[in-house]
Structures are given as structure tokens and as C-alpha cells.
N, C-alpha and C. Protein backbone atom coordinates (compact mmCIF):
# COMPACT_ATOMS: atom_id res chain seq x y z
N MET A 1 -2.31 -7.26 16.78
CA MET A 1 -1.56 -6.07 16.44
C MET A 1 -1.86 -5.69 14.99
N SER A 2 -1.90 -4.41 14.72
CA SER A 2 -2.18 -3.92 13.38
C SER A 2 -0.94 -3.26 12.79
N PHE A 3 -0.83 -3.37 11.47
CA PHE A 3 0.39 -2.94 10.79
C PHE A 3 0.06 -2.04 9.61
N VAL A 4 1.04 -1.21 9.24
CA VAL A 4 1.05 -0.59 7.93
C VAL A 4 2.04 -1.42 7.13
N CYS A 5 1.58 -1.98 6.02
CA CYS A 5 2.43 -2.81 5.18
C CYS A 5 3.00 -1.97 4.04
N ILE A 6 4.27 -2.19 3.76
CA ILE A 6 4.97 -1.50 2.68
C ILE A 6 5.38 -2.57 1.68
N VAL A 7 4.88 -2.46 0.45
CA VAL A 7 5.20 -3.45 -0.58
C VAL A 7 5.86 -2.72 -1.74
N ASP A 8 7.18 -2.87 -1.84
CA ASP A 8 7.95 -2.19 -2.88
C ASP A 8 9.22 -2.99 -3.12
N ASP A 9 9.59 -3.19 -4.38
CA ASP A 9 10.79 -3.98 -4.67
C ASP A 9 12.08 -3.18 -4.56
N ASP A 10 11.97 -1.88 -4.30
CA ASP A 10 13.16 -1.03 -4.12
C ASP A 10 13.48 -0.94 -2.63
N ALA A 11 14.60 -1.53 -2.24
CA ALA A 11 14.98 -1.59 -0.82
C ALA A 11 15.11 -0.21 -0.20
N SER A 12 15.61 0.77 -0.94
CA SER A 12 15.78 2.11 -0.36
C SER A 12 14.43 2.78 -0.11
N VAL A 13 13.46 2.54 -0.98
CA VAL A 13 12.11 3.08 -0.76
C VAL A 13 11.49 2.42 0.46
N ARG A 14 11.57 1.09 0.54
CA ARG A 14 11.02 0.37 1.71
C ARG A 14 11.64 0.88 2.99
N SER A 15 12.94 1.01 3.01
CA SER A 15 13.64 1.44 4.21
C SER A 15 13.26 2.87 4.61
N GLY A 16 13.21 3.77 3.64
CA GLY A 16 12.88 5.16 3.93
C GLY A 16 11.48 5.31 4.49
N ILE A 17 10.51 4.65 3.86
CA ILE A 17 9.13 4.74 4.34
C ILE A 17 9.00 4.06 5.69
N ASP A 18 9.65 2.91 5.83
CA ASP A 18 9.63 2.18 7.10
C ASP A 18 10.16 3.05 8.24
N ASN A 19 11.29 3.69 8.03
CA ASN A 19 11.88 4.55 9.07
C ASN A 19 10.97 5.72 9.42
N LEU A 20 10.38 6.36 8.40
CA LEU A 20 9.47 7.48 8.64
C LEU A 20 8.27 7.02 9.47
N LEU A 21 7.65 5.93 9.06
CA LEU A 21 6.43 5.49 9.74
C LEU A 21 6.71 5.05 11.17
N LYS A 22 7.82 4.38 11.39
CA LYS A 22 8.19 3.98 12.76
C LYS A 22 8.44 5.22 13.62
N ALA A 23 9.05 6.25 13.02
CA ALA A 23 9.34 7.48 13.76
C ALA A 23 8.08 8.19 14.22
N VAL A 24 6.97 8.04 13.48
CA VAL A 24 5.72 8.69 13.89
C VAL A 24 4.79 7.74 14.63
N GLY A 25 5.27 6.53 14.94
CA GLY A 25 4.52 5.65 15.82
C GLY A 25 3.80 4.47 15.21
N TYR A 26 3.94 4.25 13.90
CA TYR A 26 3.29 3.10 13.28
C TYR A 26 4.14 1.84 13.44
N THR A 27 3.47 0.71 13.51
CA THR A 27 4.14 -0.58 13.44
C THR A 27 4.07 -0.98 11.97
N THR A 28 5.19 -1.37 11.41
CA THR A 28 5.25 -1.64 9.98
C THR A 28 5.76 -3.05 9.70
N VAL A 29 5.40 -3.54 8.53
CA VAL A 29 5.96 -4.76 7.98
C VAL A 29 6.24 -4.47 6.52
N ALA A 30 7.46 -4.76 6.08
CA ALA A 30 7.84 -4.45 4.70
C ALA A 30 8.03 -5.74 3.89
N PHE A 31 7.65 -5.66 2.62
CA PHE A 31 7.74 -6.80 1.71
C PHE A 31 8.41 -6.34 0.42
N SER A 32 9.23 -7.20 -0.16
CA SER A 32 9.95 -6.86 -1.39
C SER A 32 9.18 -7.26 -2.64
N SER A 33 8.03 -7.91 -2.46
CA SER A 33 7.25 -8.32 -3.64
C SER A 33 5.77 -8.48 -3.27
N GLY A 34 4.94 -8.40 -4.30
CA GLY A 34 3.52 -8.66 -4.10
C GLY A 34 3.28 -10.08 -3.65
N GLU A 35 4.03 -11.02 -4.20
CA GLU A 35 3.88 -12.42 -3.82
C GLU A 35 4.17 -12.64 -2.33
N ALA A 36 5.23 -12.01 -1.83
CA ALA A 36 5.59 -12.16 -0.41
C ALA A 36 4.48 -11.57 0.48
N PHE A 37 3.94 -10.44 0.08
CA PHE A 37 2.85 -9.85 0.84
C PHE A 37 1.63 -10.77 0.87
N LEU A 38 1.23 -11.26 -0.30
CA LEU A 38 0.04 -12.11 -0.38
C LEU A 38 0.20 -13.42 0.38
N ALA A 39 1.43 -13.90 0.54
CA ALA A 39 1.69 -15.14 1.27
C ALA A 39 1.79 -14.92 2.77
N SER A 40 1.76 -13.67 3.19
CA SER A 40 1.96 -13.33 4.60
C SER A 40 0.67 -13.46 5.41
N PRO A 41 0.80 -13.88 6.66
CA PRO A 41 -0.38 -13.95 7.52
C PRO A 41 -0.84 -12.58 8.05
N VAL A 42 -0.11 -11.50 7.76
CA VAL A 42 -0.48 -10.19 8.32
C VAL A 42 -1.50 -9.44 7.47
N ILE A 43 -1.89 -9.99 6.33
CA ILE A 43 -2.82 -9.25 5.44
C ILE A 43 -4.05 -8.78 6.20
N ASP A 44 -4.66 -9.67 6.95
CA ASP A 44 -5.91 -9.31 7.63
C ASP A 44 -5.69 -8.35 8.80
N ASP A 45 -4.45 -8.16 9.22
CA ASP A 45 -4.14 -7.22 10.29
C ASP A 45 -3.61 -5.90 9.74
N ALA A 46 -3.62 -5.74 8.43
CA ALA A 46 -3.09 -4.52 7.82
C ALA A 46 -4.07 -3.37 7.97
N LEU A 47 -3.61 -2.30 8.59
CA LEU A 47 -4.38 -1.06 8.67
C LEU A 47 -4.44 -0.41 7.29
N CYS A 48 -3.34 -0.56 6.57
CA CYS A 48 -3.16 0.08 5.28
C CYS A 48 -2.01 -0.62 4.58
N VAL A 49 -2.08 -0.67 3.26
CA VAL A 49 -0.98 -1.24 2.47
C VAL A 49 -0.51 -0.17 1.49
N LEU A 50 0.77 0.14 1.57
CA LEU A 50 1.42 1.05 0.63
C LEU A 50 2.00 0.16 -0.46
N LEU A 51 1.48 0.27 -1.66
CA LEU A 51 1.75 -0.71 -2.71
C LEU A 51 2.33 -0.05 -3.96
N ASP A 52 3.53 -0.47 -4.33
CA ASP A 52 4.14 0.02 -5.55
C ASP A 52 3.41 -0.57 -6.76
N VAL A 53 3.33 0.18 -7.83
CA VAL A 53 2.65 -0.31 -9.04
C VAL A 53 3.55 -1.25 -9.83
N ARG A 54 4.76 -0.80 -10.11
CA ARG A 54 5.68 -1.60 -10.93
C ARG A 54 6.71 -2.28 -10.04
N MET A 55 6.64 -3.60 -10.03
CA MET A 55 7.60 -4.39 -9.26
C MET A 55 8.01 -5.59 -10.09
N GLN A 56 9.12 -6.19 -9.71
CA GLN A 56 9.50 -7.45 -10.32
C GLN A 56 8.47 -8.48 -9.90
N GLY A 57 8.09 -9.35 -10.79
CA GLY A 57 7.08 -10.35 -10.46
C GLY A 57 5.70 -9.73 -10.54
N MET A 58 4.88 -10.03 -9.55
CA MET A 58 3.50 -9.56 -9.53
C MET A 58 3.43 -8.04 -9.39
N GLN A 59 2.68 -7.41 -10.28
CA GLN A 59 2.52 -5.96 -10.27
C GLN A 59 1.49 -5.53 -9.23
N GLY A 60 1.53 -4.26 -8.85
CA GLY A 60 0.61 -3.75 -7.83
C GLY A 60 -0.86 -3.92 -8.18
N LEU A 61 -1.23 -3.67 -9.45
CA LEU A 61 -2.63 -3.84 -9.84
C LEU A 61 -3.05 -5.30 -9.76
N ASP A 62 -2.12 -6.23 -10.00
CA ASP A 62 -2.42 -7.66 -9.86
C ASP A 62 -2.68 -8.02 -8.40
N VAL A 63 -1.90 -7.43 -7.50
CA VAL A 63 -2.11 -7.65 -6.07
C VAL A 63 -3.49 -7.14 -5.68
N GLN A 64 -3.85 -5.95 -6.17
CA GLN A 64 -5.17 -5.38 -5.88
C GLN A 64 -6.28 -6.30 -6.38
N ARG A 65 -6.15 -6.81 -7.61
CA ARG A 65 -7.17 -7.71 -8.16
C ARG A 65 -7.32 -8.97 -7.31
N LYS A 66 -6.21 -9.52 -6.86
CA LYS A 66 -6.26 -10.74 -6.04
C LYS A 66 -6.94 -10.45 -4.70
N LEU A 67 -6.59 -9.36 -4.06
CA LEU A 67 -7.24 -8.99 -2.79
C LEU A 67 -8.74 -8.79 -2.98
N ASN A 68 -9.12 -8.11 -4.06
CA ASN A 68 -10.54 -7.88 -4.34
C ASN A 68 -11.26 -9.20 -4.61
N ALA A 69 -10.63 -10.10 -5.35
CA ALA A 69 -11.25 -11.39 -5.67
C ALA A 69 -11.47 -12.22 -4.41
N GLU A 70 -10.59 -12.03 -3.43
CA GLU A 70 -10.70 -12.76 -2.16
C GLU A 70 -11.56 -12.00 -1.14
N HIS A 71 -12.14 -10.88 -1.55
CA HIS A 71 -13.01 -10.05 -0.70
C HIS A 71 -12.31 -9.64 0.60
N ARG A 72 -11.04 -9.26 0.47
CA ARG A 72 -10.29 -8.79 1.64
C ARG A 72 -10.42 -7.28 1.74
N ASN A 73 -10.81 -6.82 2.91
CA ASN A 73 -10.98 -5.39 3.14
C ASN A 73 -9.63 -4.80 3.57
N VAL A 74 -8.78 -4.56 2.60
CA VAL A 74 -7.44 -4.04 2.86
C VAL A 74 -7.29 -2.70 2.14
N PRO A 75 -7.24 -1.60 2.88
CA PRO A 75 -7.08 -0.29 2.23
C PRO A 75 -5.72 -0.16 1.56
N LEU A 76 -5.74 0.18 0.28
CA LEU A 76 -4.51 0.30 -0.51
C LEU A 76 -4.23 1.74 -0.86
N VAL A 77 -2.97 2.12 -0.73
CA VAL A 77 -2.47 3.39 -1.22
C VAL A 77 -1.37 3.03 -2.22
N PHE A 78 -1.59 3.33 -3.48
CA PHE A 78 -0.60 3.03 -4.50
C PHE A 78 0.49 4.10 -4.54
N MET A 79 1.69 3.65 -4.92
CA MET A 79 2.83 4.55 -5.08
C MET A 79 3.50 4.18 -6.40
N SER A 80 3.91 5.20 -7.15
CA SER A 80 4.62 4.89 -8.39
C SER A 80 5.32 6.11 -8.95
N ALA A 81 6.46 5.88 -9.54
CA ALA A 81 7.14 6.92 -10.31
C ALA A 81 6.64 6.89 -11.75
N HIS A 82 5.82 5.90 -12.07
CA HIS A 82 5.37 5.68 -13.45
C HIS A 82 3.85 5.68 -13.55
N GLY A 83 3.19 6.52 -12.81
CA GLY A 83 1.73 6.50 -12.78
C GLY A 83 1.11 7.21 -13.96
N ASP A 84 0.75 6.45 -15.00
CA ASP A 84 0.04 7.07 -16.11
C ASP A 84 -1.44 7.18 -15.74
N ASP A 85 -2.16 8.01 -16.47
CA ASP A 85 -3.56 8.29 -16.13
C ASP A 85 -4.42 7.03 -16.11
N ASP A 86 -4.20 6.10 -17.05
CA ASP A 86 -5.00 4.88 -17.11
C ASP A 86 -4.76 4.01 -15.87
N THR A 87 -3.50 3.89 -15.46
CA THR A 87 -3.16 3.09 -14.27
C THR A 87 -3.78 3.69 -13.02
N ILE A 88 -3.69 5.00 -12.90
CA ILE A 88 -4.26 5.70 -11.74
C ILE A 88 -5.77 5.49 -11.71
N LYS A 89 -6.41 5.68 -12.85
CA LYS A 89 -7.86 5.51 -12.93
C LYS A 89 -8.26 4.08 -12.54
N GLN A 90 -7.54 3.11 -13.06
CA GLN A 90 -7.85 1.72 -12.77
C GLN A 90 -7.70 1.42 -11.28
N ALA A 91 -6.61 1.88 -10.67
CA ALA A 91 -6.37 1.63 -9.25
C ALA A 91 -7.48 2.24 -8.39
N LEU A 92 -7.86 3.48 -8.70
CA LEU A 92 -8.88 4.16 -7.91
C LEU A 92 -10.27 3.56 -8.13
N GLN A 93 -10.58 3.17 -9.37
CA GLN A 93 -11.87 2.56 -9.65
C GLN A 93 -12.05 1.24 -8.92
N HIS A 94 -10.95 0.56 -8.65
CA HIS A 94 -11.03 -0.74 -7.98
C HIS A 94 -10.78 -0.62 -6.47
N GLY A 95 -10.92 0.60 -5.94
CA GLY A 95 -10.96 0.76 -4.50
C GLY A 95 -9.76 1.34 -3.80
N ALA A 96 -8.72 1.71 -4.53
CA ALA A 96 -7.57 2.31 -3.86
C ALA A 96 -7.97 3.62 -3.18
N ILE A 97 -7.38 3.89 -2.04
CA ILE A 97 -7.65 5.11 -1.29
C ILE A 97 -7.00 6.31 -1.97
N ASN A 98 -5.79 6.11 -2.47
CA ASN A 98 -5.06 7.20 -3.11
C ASN A 98 -4.00 6.62 -4.02
N PHE A 99 -3.46 7.46 -4.90
CA PHE A 99 -2.37 7.08 -5.78
C PHE A 99 -1.33 8.18 -5.68
N LEU A 100 -0.19 7.85 -5.11
CA LEU A 100 0.87 8.84 -4.88
C LEU A 100 1.95 8.69 -5.94
N ARG A 101 2.27 9.80 -6.59
CA ARG A 101 3.36 9.78 -7.58
C ARG A 101 4.67 10.07 -6.85
N LYS A 102 5.64 9.15 -7.05
CA LYS A 102 6.96 9.35 -6.46
C LYS A 102 7.69 10.42 -7.24
N PRO A 103 8.43 11.30 -6.59
CA PRO A 103 8.54 11.40 -5.13
C PRO A 103 7.34 12.15 -4.56
N PHE A 104 6.93 11.77 -3.38
CA PHE A 104 5.80 12.43 -2.72
C PHE A 104 6.26 12.92 -1.36
N SER A 105 5.50 13.84 -0.80
CA SER A 105 5.88 14.44 0.48
C SER A 105 5.48 13.52 1.64
N GLU A 106 6.16 13.68 2.74
CA GLU A 106 5.81 12.94 3.95
C GLU A 106 4.36 13.24 4.34
N GLU A 107 3.98 14.51 4.19
CA GLU A 107 2.63 14.93 4.59
C GLU A 107 1.55 14.20 3.80
N ILE A 108 1.70 14.12 2.48
CA ILE A 108 0.68 13.45 1.67
C ILE A 108 0.65 11.95 1.97
N LEU A 109 1.81 11.37 2.25
CA LEU A 109 1.86 9.96 2.61
C LEU A 109 1.12 9.72 3.93
N LEU A 110 1.43 10.51 4.94
CA LEU A 110 0.80 10.33 6.25
C LEU A 110 -0.70 10.62 6.19
N ASP A 111 -1.09 11.64 5.41
CA ASP A 111 -2.53 11.93 5.25
C ASP A 111 -3.25 10.76 4.57
N SER A 112 -2.62 10.16 3.59
CA SER A 112 -3.22 9.02 2.88
C SER A 112 -3.37 7.82 3.80
N ILE A 113 -2.38 7.58 4.65
CA ILE A 113 -2.45 6.47 5.60
C ILE A 113 -3.59 6.71 6.59
N GLU A 114 -3.69 7.93 7.09
CA GLU A 114 -4.77 8.24 8.04
C GLU A 114 -6.14 8.06 7.39
N LEU A 115 -6.29 8.48 6.15
CA LEU A 115 -7.55 8.30 5.43
C LEU A 115 -7.85 6.81 5.26
N ALA A 116 -6.85 6.03 4.92
CA ALA A 116 -7.04 4.59 4.75
C ALA A 116 -7.48 3.93 6.06
N ILE A 117 -6.86 4.31 7.15
CA ILE A 117 -7.21 3.75 8.46
C ILE A 117 -8.63 4.16 8.84
N GLN A 118 -8.98 5.41 8.57
CA GLN A 118 -10.34 5.89 8.85
C GLN A 118 -11.37 5.09 8.06
N ARG A 119 -11.10 4.86 6.78
CA ARG A 119 -12.04 4.08 5.95
C ARG A 119 -12.14 2.64 6.42
N LYS A 120 -11.01 2.05 6.85
CA LYS A 120 -11.05 0.67 7.35
C LYS A 120 -11.90 0.60 8.61
N ASN A 121 -11.74 1.58 9.50
CA ASN A 121 -12.52 1.59 10.74
C ASN A 121 -14.01 1.80 10.46
N GLU A 122 -14.33 2.62 9.47
CA GLU A 122 -15.73 2.85 9.11
C GLU A 122 -16.38 1.59 8.53
N ALA A 123 -15.58 0.75 7.89
CA ALA A 123 -16.09 -0.45 7.23
C ALA A 123 -16.36 -1.59 8.23
N LYS A 124 -15.85 -1.45 9.45
CA LYS A 124 -16.03 -2.52 10.45
C LYS A 124 -17.45 -2.63 10.89
């Protein structure tokens, strides 16, 4: 089974995105931290990972670096209310599919997920 993973330390953000994605037919798994996501066995089954930049504990860019170091082909879409230009540039240069500034529209979120899934399928 394949999942869209939601990694955000804000429970209301996780819940809102989770409900939206389930309503449009995605199977989701939500994590409250980068560490919990990285310890999960679902990483390799992730169609896409929606990853917050600023979280308690491991930050989103740190999660990205770890995934890249382990050569895991996991499409990342970053989300942040605090996306400065340098952070956005860094995330995209290291392979992120998109960087969404909170608040973002449902449409841009769903389009980004579809693009991530398309890129993952092309990489197979």
C-alpha cells in the first residue's frame, strides 16, 4: 500500500490535511515529528511526504538531508509559515518538489501531491 505522509508538529495542521486528503481518496499516515517519520517503516511506501520546515526536534531540512544521505527516493513537498528565500532555495536545490507557504490553497496542495507522485512514478 502507498501513502501520503504528513509530517508536522501542529496537530491541527496534520488533522486538516489528513481529512482533506482522505476525502479525495488518498491513504495517509501522519507524524508529529521528523524523528517519528524517519523511524517509520512506511518511508519506502510513501508516494509523497508533506514536510513542515520548522518543527520541535528535527527540522524539515534535516529530514531531507537524512533521506538524501540514505539515497531514499521520497518526493518531498515542504510546507511552512516561515519560508524565507534561503530556506526555499535550499529545499528546492536538494530535490524538493515544491515549497508551499502556509496558508496555502487546497488546489496548490493537491497539484503538488500529484506532481510528486508523477515524479516518483517516472523515477521507477
